[in-house]
Amino acid sequence: MEVLVTRKGQVTVPIALRRKYGIEEGMKLIVEDSSSGIILKVIPRLEDLVGIDAGKISVEEAFKILDKMRSEDRY
């Protein structure tokens, strides 16, 4: 697929690829330089990584637990 680079260096990811990879407005991508060119990789959302524990704990609760563990680790 061919895309146009704007004056600001921006490109639009074609809709077919956005749908295929679940790319939505506000999501971040990793840009890597490789020997074959530039690679864009989707950064998975935390909600997509819950795995076997899906439904057992909310994202907000998980963040609270992580914050507590981080604060305890600092002392």
Protein backbone atom coordinates (compact mmCIF):
# COMPACT_ATOMS: atom_id res chain seq x y z
CA MET A 1 0.00 0.00 0.00
CA GLU A 2 1.16 3.49 -0.73
CA VAL A 3 0.69 6.42 1.66
CA LEU A 4 1.50 10.12 1.44
CA VAL A 5 3.83 11.84 3.93
CA THR A 6 2.57 15.29 4.96
CA ARG A 7 4.69 18.37 5.49
CA LYS A 8 4.75 17.52 9.22
CA GLY A 9 5.98 13.97 8.53
CA GLN A 10 2.62 12.37 9.24
CA VAL A 11 1.18 9.40 7.37
CA THR A 12 -2.28 7.86 7.40
CA VAL A 13 -2.45 4.13 8.05
CA PRO A 14 -4.90 2.70 5.49
CA ILE A 15 -8.30 1.70 6.89
CA ALA A 16 -7.85 -1.98 5.97
CA LEU A 17 -4.72 -2.18 8.13
CA ARG A 18 -6.27 -0.17 10.97
CA ARG A 19 -9.16 -2.64 11.07
CA LYS A 20 -6.90 -5.69 10.75
CA TYR A 21 -4.65 -4.60 13.63
CA GLY A 22 -7.28 -2.85 15.75
CA ILE A 23 -5.62 0.55 15.47
CA GLU A 24 -7.90 3.26 16.83
CA GLU A 25 -7.59 7.00 17.37
CA GLY A 26 -5.28 7.83 20.26
CA MET A 27 -3.39 4.51 20.19
CA LYS A 28 0.38 4.57 20.11
CA LEU A 29 2.61 2.68 17.71
CA ILE A 30 6.26 1.72 18.00
CA VAL A 31 8.41 2.91 15.10
CA GLU A 32 11.49 0.76 14.46
CA ASP A 33 14.33 1.26 12.04
CA SER A 34 15.39 -1.99 10.40
CA SER A 35 17.68 -2.99 7.58
CA SER A 36 14.63 -3.49 5.36
CA GLY A 37 13.00 -0.14 6.23
CA ILE A 38 10.67 1.39 8.79
CA ILE A 39 8.46 -0.95 10.84
CA LEU A 40 5.30 0.15 12.69
CA LYS A 41 4.15 -2.05 15.57
CA VAL A 42 0.95 -1.74 17.57
CA ILE A 43 1.44 -1.31 21.31
CA PRO A 44 -1.17 -3.61 22.86
CA ARG A 45 -3.58 -2.05 25.35
CA LEU A 46 -3.55 -3.35 28.90
CA GLU A 47 -7.15 -4.49 28.46
CA ASP A 48 -6.05 -6.78 25.62
CA LEU A 49 -3.43 -8.49 27.78
CA VAL A 50 -5.61 -9.69 30.67
CA GLY A 51 -5.58 -13.28 29.38
CA ILE A 52 -6.89 -16.00 31.65
CA ASP A 53 -7.72 -13.52 34.41
CA ALA A 54 -10.23 -11.65 32.24
CA GLY A 55 -13.25 -10.64 34.27
CA LYS A 56 -11.62 -11.39 37.64
CA ILE A 57 -10.34 -7.85 38.21
CA SER A 58 -11.00 -4.48 36.61
CA VAL A 59 -8.29 -2.44 34.95
CA GLU A 60 -8.70 0.22 37.64
CA GLU A 61 -8.19 -2.35 40.40
CA ALA A 62 -5.10 -3.71 38.62
CA PHE A 63 -3.61 -0.21 38.43
CA LYS A 64 -4.31 0.36 42.15
CA ILE A 65 -2.52 -2.89 43.04
CA LEU A 66 0.43 -2.01 40.80
CA ASP A 67 0.68 1.48 42.28
CA LYS A 68 0.63 0.02 45.81
CA MET A 69 3.34 -2.50 44.93
CA ARG A 70 5.48 0.23 43.36
CA SER A 71 5.15 2.47 46.41
CA GLU A 72 6.05 -0.40 48.78
CA ASP A 73 9.07 -1.25 46.63
CA ARG A 74 10.46 2.29 46.99
CA TYR A 75 10.94 2.01 50.75
